[in-house]
């Protein structure tokens, strides 16, 4: 067997083991803000492995949420991130309950969520803060919902969220992103967090892909160019900071901070 096929086979087996472990963990662990992201990862894995088992685990995790209906209060991380796996499960299963679930979350975000004066979502008011996590927790789902619904204005609003998060959080010198912008103080968090950067890296190509799938690259060309330029600047700097292990330091530009895996997963997905 050629070496490339051997490596692919090894990678597939590793992904199968990881997916099986993640499926068990999602169904057994205590609730955590990252659960919705793990759920969406299972849908990704199902596509890659051409198997239904991860989707079945994701559906089992979502079942009580569908029965109860989505939250739209409290900390953003515990409910806003559920919109994207709900949409991906809708596309996978054609179950309209997932679409209804997402519409409720997106409706709150677009019509009721607190914002900065220039429109960036504020995750936990009254603190007037912009968090890099939130561009991932909101913009890809809004863009995908807009594409499914045939709503070009919604897709454009997703692009606007990416741009306004860039405006608040991008470091002009490096192109990397700060974790939090304190808008009322005109300041930002103290370090360039690797996983925080990966949120933008993942979200940007997903939003661009939905714009392209909706046939809106030309009418939204100026906004797409802004997102692409920010992503290219960021990822070129990210690539230059990769450790020889293949990972990144948790404070991405400080090699005295520990190495961690979640940012590497995010950058790999983005690339």
C-alpha atoms as a PDB file:
ATOM      1  CA  UNK A   1       0.000   0.000   0.000  1.00  0.00           C
ATOM      2  CA  UNK A   2       1.454   3.468  -0.870  1.00  0.00           C
ATOM      3  CA  UNK A   3       2.603   5.548   2.139  1.00  0.00           C
ATOM      4  CA  UNK A   4      -0.060   8.209   1.565  1.00  0.00           C
ATOM      5  CA  UNK A   5      -2.823   5.611   1.879  1.00  0.00           C
ATOM      6  CA  UNK A   6      -1.232   4.142   4.998  1.00  0.00           C
ATOM      7  CA  UNK A   7      -1.190   7.590   6.618  1.00  0.00           C
ATOM      8  CA  UNK A   8      -4.797   8.235   5.561  1.00  0.00           C
ATOM      9  CA  UNK A   9      -5.868   4.887   6.999  1.00  0.00           C
ATOM     10  CA  UNK A  10      -4.086   5.660  10.272  1.00  0.00           C
ATOM     11  CA  UNK A  11      -5.731   9.080  10.397  1.00  0.00           C
ATOM     12  CA  UNK A  12      -9.164   7.575   9.756  1.00  0.00           C
ATOM     13  CA  UNK A  13      -8.726   5.053  12.567  1.00  0.00           C
ATOM     14  CA  UNK A  14      -7.568   7.788  14.922  1.00  0.00           C
ATOM     15  CA  UNK A  15     -10.601   9.900  14.013  1.00  0.00           C
ATOM     16  CA  UNK A  16     -12.893   6.914  14.594  1.00  0.00           C
ATOM     17  CA  UNK A  17     -11.440   6.410  18.093  1.00  0.00           C
ATOM     18  CA  UNK A  18     -11.613  10.126  18.896  1.00  0.00           C
ATOM     19  CA  UNK A  19     -15.185  10.391  17.640  1.00  0.00           C
ATOM     20  CA  UNK A  20     -16.336   7.359  19.637  1.00  0.00           C
ATOM     21  CA  UNK A  21     -14.734   8.781  22.784  1.00  0.00           C
ATOM     22  CA  UNK A  22     -16.204  12.253  22.173  1.00  0.00           C
ATOM     23  CA  UNK A  23     -19.666  10.765  21.602  1.00  0.00           C
ATOM     24  CA  UNK A  24     -19.534   8.969  24.956  1.00  0.00           C
ATOM     25  CA  UNK A  25     -18.185  12.054  26.706  1.00  0.00           C
ATOM     26  CA  UNK A  26     -20.854  14.376  25.299  1.00  0.00           C
ATOM     27  CA  UNK A  27     -23.622  12.152  26.642  1.00  0.00           C
ATOM     28  CA  UNK A  28     -22.075  11.518  30.065  1.00  0.00           C
ATOM     29  CA  UNK A  29     -20.286  14.690  31.156  1.00  0.00           C
ATOM     30  CA  UNK A  30     -21.559  17.588  33.217  1.00  0.00           C
ATOM     31  CA  UNK A  31     -22.905  20.487  31.110  1.00  0.00           C
ATOM     32  CA  UNK A  32     -20.195  22.792  29.765  1.00  0.00           C
ATOM     33  CA  UNK A  33     -20.183  25.771  27.411  1.00  0.00           C
ATOM     34  CA  UNK A  34     -18.134  23.755  24.899  1.00  0.00           C
ATOM     35  CA  UNK A  35     -20.739  21.001  24.509  1.00  0.00           C
ATOM     36  CA  UNK A  36     -22.440  22.584  21.489  1.00  0.00           C
ATOM     37  CA  UNK A  37     -19.093  22.849  19.731  1.00  0.00           C
ATOM     38  CA  UNK A  38     -18.361  19.198  20.472  1.00  0.00           C
ATOM     39  CA  UNK A  39     -21.824  18.346  19.130  1.00  0.00           C
ATOM     40  CA  UNK A  40     -21.103  20.157  15.866  1.00  0.00           C
ATOM     41  CA  UNK A  41     -17.731  18.404  15.706  1.00  0.00           C
ATOM     42  CA  UNK A  42     -19.524  15.070  15.745  1.00  0.00           C
ATOM     43  CA  UNK A  43     -21.525  16.110  12.681  1.00  0.00           C
ATOM     44  CA  UNK A  44     -18.269  17.073  10.945  1.00  0.00           C
ATOM     45  CA  UNK A  45     -16.779  13.695  11.897  1.00  0.00           C
ATOM     46  CA  UNK A  46     -19.812  11.849  10.556  1.00  0.00           C
ATOM     47  CA  UNK A  47     -19.281  13.499   7.177  1.00  0.00           C
ATOM     48  CA  UNK A  48     -15.585  12.689   7.164  1.00  0.00           C
ATOM     49  CA  UNK A  49     -16.053   9.075   8.235  1.00  0.00           C
ATOM     50  CA  UNK A  50     -19.240   8.489   6.202  1.00  0.00           C
ATOM     51  CA  UNK A  51     -20.991   7.014   9.221  1.00  0.00           C
ATOM     52  CA  UNK A  52     -24.183   7.867  11.108  1.00  0.00           C
ATOM     53  CA  UNK A  53     -23.072   6.941  14.651  1.00  0.00           C
ATOM     54  CA  UNK A  54     -21.737  10.412  15.604  1.00  0.00           C
ATOM     55  CA  UNK A  55     -24.938  12.045  14.352  1.00  0.00           C
ATOM     56  CA  UNK A  56     -26.987   9.679  16.483  1.00  0.00           C
ATOM     57  CA  UNK A  57     -24.988  10.765  19.540  1.00  0.00           C
ATOM     58  CA  UNK A  58     -25.483  14.421  18.640  1.00  0.00           C
ATOM     59  CA  UNK A  59     -29.232  13.858  18.264  1.00  0.00           C
ATOM     60  CA  UNK A  60     -29.411  12.134  21.650  1.00  0.00           C
ATOM     61  CA  UNK A  61     -27.626  15.102  23.259  1.00  0.00           C
ATOM     62  CA  UNK A  62     -29.989  17.539  21.570  1.00  0.00           C
ATOM     63  CA  UNK A  63     -33.223  15.635  22.325  1.00  0.00           C
ATOM     64  CA  UNK A  64     -33.988  17.197  25.744  1.00  0.00           C
ATOM     65  CA  UNK A  65     -33.069  20.627  24.387  1.00  0.00           C
ATOM     66  CA  UNK A  66     -35.545  20.265  21.538  1.00  0.00           C
ATOM     67  CA  UNK A  67     -38.207  19.239  24.036  1.00  0.00           C
ATOM     68  CA  UNK A  68     -37.543  22.194  26.336  1.00  0.00           C
ATOM     69  CA  UNK A  69     -36.778  24.827  23.702  1.00  0.00           C
ATOM     70  CA  UNK A  70     -33.649  26.982  23.523  1.00  0.00           C
ATOM     71  CA  UNK A  71     -32.411  29.362  26.176  1.00  0.00           C
ATOM     72  CA  UNK A  72     -32.024  32.988  25.212  1.00  0.00           C
ATOM     73  CA  UNK A  73     -30.864  34.376  28.531  1.00  0.00           C
ATOM     74  CA  UNK A  74     -27.795  34.257  30.719  1.00  0.00           C
ATOM     75  CA  UNK A  75     -24.266  33.862  29.463  1.00  0.00           C
ATOM     76  CA  UNK A  76     -24.037  33.684  25.660  1.00  0.00           C
ATOM     77  CA  UNK A  77     -21.707  30.691  25.696  1.00  0.00           C
ATOM     78  CA  UNK A  78     -24.340  28.329  27.111  1.00  0.00           C
ATOM     79  CA  UNK A  79     -26.934  28.811  24.375  1.00  0.00           C
ATOM     80  CA  UNK A  80     -25.803  30.908  21.400  1.00  0.00           C
ATOM     81  CA  UNK A  81     -23.335  28.236  20.255  1.00  0.00           C
ATOM     82  CA  UNK A  82     -26.185  25.715  19.941  1.00  0.00           C
ATOM     83  CA  UNK A  83     -27.498  27.408  16.789  1.00  0.00           C
ATOM     84  CA  UNK A  84     -24.791  26.049  14.496  1.00  0.00           C
ATOM     85  CA  UNK A  85     -25.016  22.338  15.426  1.00  0.00           C
ATOM     86  CA  UNK A  86     -28.820  22.645  15.334  1.00  0.00           C
ATOM     87  CA  UNK A  87     -28.613  23.874  11.751  1.00  0.00           C
ATOM     88  CA  UNK A  88     -26.096  21.211  10.777  1.00  0.00           C
ATOM     89  CA  UNK A  89     -28.346  18.551  12.294  1.00  0.00           C
ATOM     90  CA  UNK A  90     -31.303  19.999  10.388  1.00  0.00           C
ATOM     91  CA  UNK A  91     -29.362  19.687   7.142  1.00  0.00           C
ATOM     92  CA  UNK A  92     -28.288  16.154   8.051  1.00  0.00           C
ATOM     93  CA  UNK A  93     -31.676  14.851   9.237  1.00  0.00           C
ATOM     94  CA  UNK A  94     -34.183  17.232   7.594  1.00  0.00           C
ATOM     95  CA  UNK A  95     -35.882  17.519  10.993  1.00  0.00           C
ATOM     96  CA  UNK A  96     -37.657  20.924  11.074  1.00  0.00           C
ATOM     97  CA  UNK A  97     -37.426  21.125  14.859  1.00  0.00           C
ATOM     98  CA  UNK A  98     -33.722  21.970  14.587  1.00  0.00           C
ATOM     99  CA  UNK A  99     -34.515  24.800  12.181  1.00  0.00           C
ATOM    100  CA  UNK A 100     -37.165  26.180  14.530  1.00  0.00           C
ATOM    101  CA  UNK A 101     -34.690  25.937  17.428  1.00  0.00           C
ATOM    102  CA  UNK A 102     -32.116  27.948  15.507  1.00  0.00           C
ATOM    103  CA  UNK A 103     -34.623  30.567  14.385  1.00  0.00           C
ATOM    104  CA  UNK A 104     -35.465  31.259  18.024  1.00  0.00           C
ATOM    105  CA  UNK A 105     -31.816  31.786  18.968  1.00  0.00           C
ATOM    106  CA  UNK A 106     -31.019  33.828  15.869  1.00  0.00           C
ATOM    107  CA  UNK A 107     -34.172  35.896  16.329  1.00  0.00           C
ATOM    108  CA  UNK A 108     -33.109  36.830  19.839  1.00  0.00           C
ATOM    109  CA  UNK A 109     -29.570  37.645  18.754  1.00  0.00           C
ATOM    110  CA  UNK A 110     -30.695  39.825  15.882  1.00  0.00           C
ATOM    111  CA  UNK A 111     -33.621  41.562  17.575  1.00  0.00           C
ATOM    112  CA  UNK A 112     -32.987  41.609  21.322  1.00  0.00           C
ATOM    113  CA  UNK A 113     -29.309  41.004  22.168  1.00  0.00           C
ATOM    114  CA  UNK A 114     -27.310  43.903  23.556  1.00  0.00           C
ATOM    115  CA  UNK A 115     -24.883  45.534  21.129  1.00  0.00           C
ATOM    116  CA  UNK A 116     -22.141  48.103  20.981  1.00  0.00           C
ATOM    117  CA  UNK A 117     -22.961  51.398  19.221  1.00  0.00           C
ATOM    118  CA  UNK A 118     -21.463  49.986  15.999  1.00  0.00           C
ATOM    119  CA  UNK A 119     -23.471  46.756  16.224  1.00  0.00           C
ATOM    120  CA  UNK A 120     -21.216  44.074  17.747  1.00  0.00           C
ATOM    121  CA  UNK A 121     -23.028  41.607  19.983  1.00  0.00           C
ATOM    122  CA  UNK A 122     -22.388  42.097  23.706  1.00  0.00           C
ATOM    123  CA  UNK A 123     -22.415  38.676  25.414  1.00  0.00           C
ATOM    124  CA  UNK A 124     -23.114  39.635  28.997  1.00  0.00           C
ATOM    125  CA  UNK A 125     -24.418  43.149  29.530  1.00  0.00           C
ATOM    126  CA  UNK A 126     -24.220  45.594  31.170  1.00  0.00           C
ATOM    127  CA  UNK A 127     -20.470  45.103  30.628  1.00  0.00           C
ATOM    128  CA  UNK A 128     -19.836  46.754  27.245  1.00  0.00           C
ATOM    129  CA  UNK A 129     -17.412  44.126  25.947  1.00  0.00           C
ATOM    130  CA  UNK A 130     -16.720  42.495  22.589  1.00  0.00           C
ATOM    131  CA  UNK A 131     -15.389  38.914  22.789  1.00  0.00           C
ATOM    132  CA  UNK A 132     -13.679  37.115  19.914  1.00  0.00           C
ATOM    133  CA  UNK A 133     -15.539  33.898  20.840  1.00  0.00           C
ATOM    134  CA  UNK A 134     -18.837  35.541  19.939  1.00  0.00           C
ATOM    135  CA  UNK A 135     -18.016  36.013  16.259  1.00  0.00           C
ATOM    136  CA  UNK A 136     -17.877  32.207  15.997  1.00  0.00           C
ATOM    137  CA  UNK A 137     -20.903  31.628  18.235  1.00  0.00           C
ATOM    138  CA  UNK A 138     -23.090  33.903  16.084  1.00  0.00           C
ATOM    139  CA  UNK A 139     -21.939  34.801  12.564  1.00  0.00           C
ATOM    140  CA  UNK A 140     -21.619  31.320  10.935  1.00  0.00           C
ATOM    141  CA  UNK A 141     -25.066  30.262  12.168  1.00  0.00           C
ATOM    142  CA  UNK A 142     -26.659  33.539  11.048  1.00  0.00           C
ATOM    143  CA  UNK A 143     -25.015  33.174   7.637  1.00  0.00           C
ATOM    144  CA  UNK A 144     -26.112  29.541   7.257  1.00  0.00           C
ATOM    145  CA  UNK A 145     -29.651  30.322   8.405  1.00  0.00           C
ATOM    146  CA  UNK A 146     -29.760  33.203   5.940  1.00  0.00           C
ATOM    147  CA  UNK A 147     -28.649  30.928   3.133  1.00  0.00           C
ATOM    148  CA  UNK A 148     -31.178  28.221   4.033  1.00  0.00           C
ATOM    149  CA  UNK A 149     -33.924  30.856   4.274  1.00  0.00           C
ATOM    150  CA  UNK A 150     -32.917  32.718   1.125  1.00  0.00           C
ATOM    151  CA  UNK A 151     -32.416  35.880   3.201  1.00  0.00           C
ATOM    152  CA  UNK A 152     -29.552  37.860   1.654  1.00  0.00           C
ATOM    153  CA  UNK A 153     -29.835  40.627   4.250  1.00  0.00           C
ATOM    154  CA  UNK A 154     -29.296  38.114   7.064  1.00  0.00           C
ATOM    155  CA  UNK A 155     -26.184  36.773   5.346  1.00  0.00           C
ATOM    156  CA  UNK A 156     -24.869  40.310   5.007  1.00  0.00           C
ATOM    157  CA  UNK A 157     -25.470  40.915   8.700  1.00  0.00           C
ATOM    158  CA  UNK A 158     -23.318  37.869   9.461  1.00  0.00           C
ATOM    159  CA  UNK A 159     -20.521  39.422   7.410  1.00  0.00           C
ATOM    160  CA  UNK A 160     -21.013  42.661   9.317  1.00  0.00           C
ATOM    161  CA  UNK A 161     -20.487  40.827  12.618  1.00  0.00           C
ATOM    162  CA  UNK A 162     -17.152  39.467  11.376  1.00  0.00           C
ATOM    163  CA  UNK A 163     -16.049  42.927  10.310  1.00  0.00           C
ATOM    164  CA  UNK A 164     -17.105  44.707  13.480  1.00  0.00           C
ATOM    165  CA  UNK A 165     -15.380  42.049  15.615  1.00  0.00           C
ATOM    166  CA  UNK A 166     -12.262  42.597  13.526  1.00  0.00           C
ATOM    167  CA  UNK A 167     -12.552  46.349  14.065  1.00  0.00           C
ATOM    168  CA  UNK A 168     -12.682  45.969  17.839  1.00  0.00           C
ATOM    169  CA  UNK A 169     -10.237  43.116  18.361  1.00  0.00           C
ATOM    170  CA  UNK A 170      -7.567  42.946  15.643  1.00  0.00           C
ATOM    171  CA  UNK A 171      -4.094  44.044  16.694  1.00  0.00           C
ATOM    172  CA  UNK A 172      -2.981  46.320  13.842  1.00  0.00           C
ATOM    173  CA  UNK A 173       0.667  45.375  14.221  1.00  0.00           C
ATOM    174  CA  UNK A 174       0.362  41.587  13.989  1.00  0.00           C
ATOM    175  CA  UNK A 175      -3.107  40.904  12.590  1.00  0.00           C
ATOM    176  CA  UNK A 176      -3.780  38.649  15.584  1.00  0.00           C
ATOM    177  CA  UNK A 177      -6.849  39.131  17.766  1.00  0.00           C
ATOM    178  CA  UNK A 178      -7.239  40.170  21.376  1.00  0.00           C
ATOM    179  CA  UNK A 179      -9.629  38.092  23.434  1.00  0.00           C
ATOM    180  CA  UNK A 180     -11.823  40.924  24.753  1.00  0.00           C
ATOM    181  CA  UNK A 181     -12.284  44.588  23.879  1.00  0.00           C
ATOM    182  CA  UNK A 182     -13.485  46.813  26.729  1.00  0.00           C
ATOM    183  CA  UNK A 183     -15.360  49.305  24.611  1.00  0.00           C
ATOM    184  CA  UNK A 184     -16.201  51.895  27.238  1.00  0.00           C
ATOM    185  CA  UNK A 185     -12.551  51.995  28.356  1.00  0.00           C
ATOM    186  CA  UNK A 186     -11.060  51.852  24.843  1.00  0.00           C
ATOM    187  CA  UNK A 187      -8.785  49.015  25.943  1.00  0.00           C
ATOM    188  CA  UNK A 188      -8.436  45.268  25.532  1.00  0.00           C
ATOM    189  CA  UNK A 189      -7.425  42.107  27.381  1.00  0.00           C
ATOM    190  CA  UNK A 190      -3.824  41.623  28.321  1.00  0.00           C
ATOM    191  CA  UNK A 191      -2.741  38.872  25.919  1.00  0.00           C
ATOM    192  CA  UNK A 192      -3.207  37.316  22.478  1.00  0.00           C
ATOM    193  CA  UNK A 193      -4.929  34.046  23.303  1.00  0.00           C
ATOM    194  CA  UNK A 194      -4.385  31.190  20.836  1.00  0.00           C
ATOM    195  CA  UNK A 195      -7.822  29.600  21.085  1.00  0.00           C
ATOM    196  CA  UNK A 196      -9.448  33.019  20.911  1.00  0.00           C
ATOM    197  CA  UNK A 197      -7.661  33.591  17.633  1.00  0.00           C
ATOM    198  CA  UNK A 198      -8.882  30.253  16.330  1.00  0.00           C
ATOM    199  CA  UNK A 199     -12.510  31.327  16.797  1.00  0.00           C
ATOM    200  CA  UNK A 200     -12.056  34.011  14.143  1.00  0.00           C
ATOM    201  CA  UNK A 201     -10.041  31.630  11.964  1.00  0.00           C
ATOM    202  CA  UNK A 202     -12.899  29.101  11.942  1.00  0.00           C
ATOM    203  CA  UNK A 203     -15.752  31.576  11.611  1.00  0.00           C
ATOM    204  CA  UNK A 204     -14.389  33.641   8.723  1.00  0.00           C
ATOM    205  CA  UNK A 205     -14.184  30.896   6.058  1.00  0.00           C
ATOM    206  CA  UNK A 206     -17.553  29.504   7.157  1.00  0.00           C
ATOM    207  CA  UNK A 207     -19.224  32.879   6.645  1.00  0.00           C
ATOM    208  CA  UNK A 208     -17.455  33.385   3.310  1.00  0.00           C
ATOM    209  CA  UNK A 209     -18.548  29.906   2.196  1.00  0.00           C
ATOM    210  CA  UNK A 210     -22.196  30.721   2.909  1.00  0.00           C
ATOM    211  CA  UNK A 211     -21.899  34.019   1.034  1.00  0.00           C
ATOM    212  CA  UNK A 212     -20.495  32.116  -1.941  1.00  0.00           C
ATOM    213  CA  UNK A 213     -23.120  29.355  -1.730  1.00  0.00           C
ATOM    214  CA  UNK A 214     -25.850  32.007  -1.762  1.00  0.00           C
ATOM    215  CA  UNK A 215     -24.395  33.620  -4.890  1.00  0.00           C
ATOM    216  CA  UNK A 216     -23.584  36.861  -3.070  1.00  0.00           C
ATOM    217  CA  UNK A 217     -19.841  37.168  -3.670  1.00  0.00           C
ATOM    218  CA  UNK A 218     -20.295  40.031  -6.115  1.00  0.00           C
ATOM    219  CA  UNK A 219     -22.812  42.171  -4.196  1.00  0.00           C
ATOM    220  CA  UNK A 220     -20.892  41.636  -0.945  1.00  0.00           C
ATOM    221  CA  UNK A 221     -17.436  41.813  -2.545  1.00  0.00           C
ATOM    222  CA  UNK A 222     -16.175  44.740  -0.455  1.00  0.00           C
ATOM    223  CA  UNK A 223     -17.142  43.039   2.814  1.00  0.00           C
ATOM    224  CA  UNK A 224     -15.817  39.651   1.721  1.00  0.00           C
ATOM    225  CA  UNK A 225     -12.499  41.281   0.824  1.00  0.00           C
ATOM    226  CA  UNK A 226     -12.255  42.799   4.308  1.00  0.00           C
ATOM    227  CA  UNK A 227     -12.870  39.415   5.961  1.00  0.00           C
ATOM    228  CA  UNK A 228     -10.438  37.623   3.633  1.00  0.00           C
ATOM    229  CA  UNK A 229      -7.727  40.220   4.215  1.00  0.00           C
ATOM    230  CA  UNK A 230      -8.099  39.971   7.990  1.00  0.00           C
ATOM    231  CA  UNK A 231      -8.009  36.174   7.837  1.00  0.00           C
ATOM    232  CA  UNK A 232      -4.945  36.057   5.580  1.00  0.00           C
ATOM    233  CA  UNK A 233      -3.055  38.534   7.764  1.00  0.00           C
ATOM    234  CA  UNK A 234      -3.969  36.593  10.879  1.00  0.00           C
ATOM    235  CA  UNK A 235      -3.162  33.118   9.562  1.00  0.00           C
ATOM    236  CA  UNK A 236       0.189  34.154   8.108  1.00  0.00           C
ATOM    237  CA  UNK A 237       1.163  35.398  11.562  1.00  0.00           C
ATOM    238  CA  UNK A 238      -0.326  32.283  13.195  1.00  0.00           C
ATOM    239  CA  UNK A 239       1.744  30.029  10.908  1.00  0.00           C
ATOM    240  CA  UNK A 240       4.926  31.872  11.873  1.00  0.00           C
ATOM    241  CA  UNK A 241       4.262  31.180  15.572  1.00  0.00           C
ATOM    242  CA  UNK A 242       3.643  27.426  15.359  1.00  0.00           C
ATOM    243  CA  UNK A 243       5.762  25.368  17.726  1.00  0.00           C
ATOM    244  CA  UNK A 244       7.855  22.530  16.271  1.00  0.00           C
ATOM    245  CA  UNK A 245       5.462  20.125  18.017  1.00  0.00           C
ATOM    246  CA  UNK A 246       2.694  21.294  15.679  1.00  0.00           C
ATOM    247  CA  UNK A 247       0.816  23.007  18.526  1.00  0.00           C
ATOM    248  CA  UNK A 248       0.643  26.650  19.580  1.00  0.00           C
ATOM    249  CA  UNK A 249       1.307  28.290  22.927  1.00  0.00           C
ATOM    250  CA  UNK A 250      -1.847  29.286  24.794  1.00  0.00           C
ATOM    251  CA  UNK A 251      -0.621  32.889  24.693  1.00  0.00           C
ATOM    252  CA  UNK A 252       0.225  32.618  21.060  1.00  0.00           C
ATOM    253  CA  UNK A 253       3.201  34.997  20.929  1.00  0.00           C
ATOM    254  CA  UNK A 254       4.785  33.872  24.215  1.00  0.00           C
ATOM    255  CA  UNK A 255       6.808  30.667  24.158  1.00  0.00           C
ATOM    256  CA  UNK A 256       6.941  30.649  27.961  1.00  0.00           C
ATOM    257  CA  UNK A 257       3.208  29.814  28.045  1.00  0.00           C
ATOM    258  CA  UNK A 258       2.048  26.220  27.784  1.00  0.00           C
ATOM    259  CA  UNK A 259       1.236  24.400  24.551  1.00  0.00           C
ATOM    260  CA  UNK A 260      -2.392  23.374  24.017  1.00  0.00           C
ATOM    261  CA  UNK A 261      -4.386  21.444  21.439  1.00  0.00           C
ATOM    262  CA  UNK A 262      -7.691  23.240  20.920  1.00  0.00           C
ATOM    263  CA  UNK A 263      -6.154  26.168  19.042  1.00  0.00           C
ATOM    264  CA  UNK A 264      -4.295  23.720  16.781  1.00  0.00           C
ATOM    265  CA  UNK A 265      -7.603  21.996  15.992  1.00  0.00           C
ATOM    266  CA  UNK A 266      -9.181  25.346  15.191  1.00  0.00           C
ATOM    267  CA  UNK A 267      -6.359  26.544  12.967  1.00  0.00           C
ATOM    268  CA  UNK A 268      -6.275  23.175  11.170  1.00  0.00           C
ATOM    269  CA  UNK A 269      -9.999  23.398  10.473  1.00  0.00           C
ATOM    270  CA  UNK A 270      -9.657  26.961   9.213  1.00  0.00           C
ATOM    271  CA  UNK A 271      -6.732  26.139   6.944  1.00  0.00           C
END
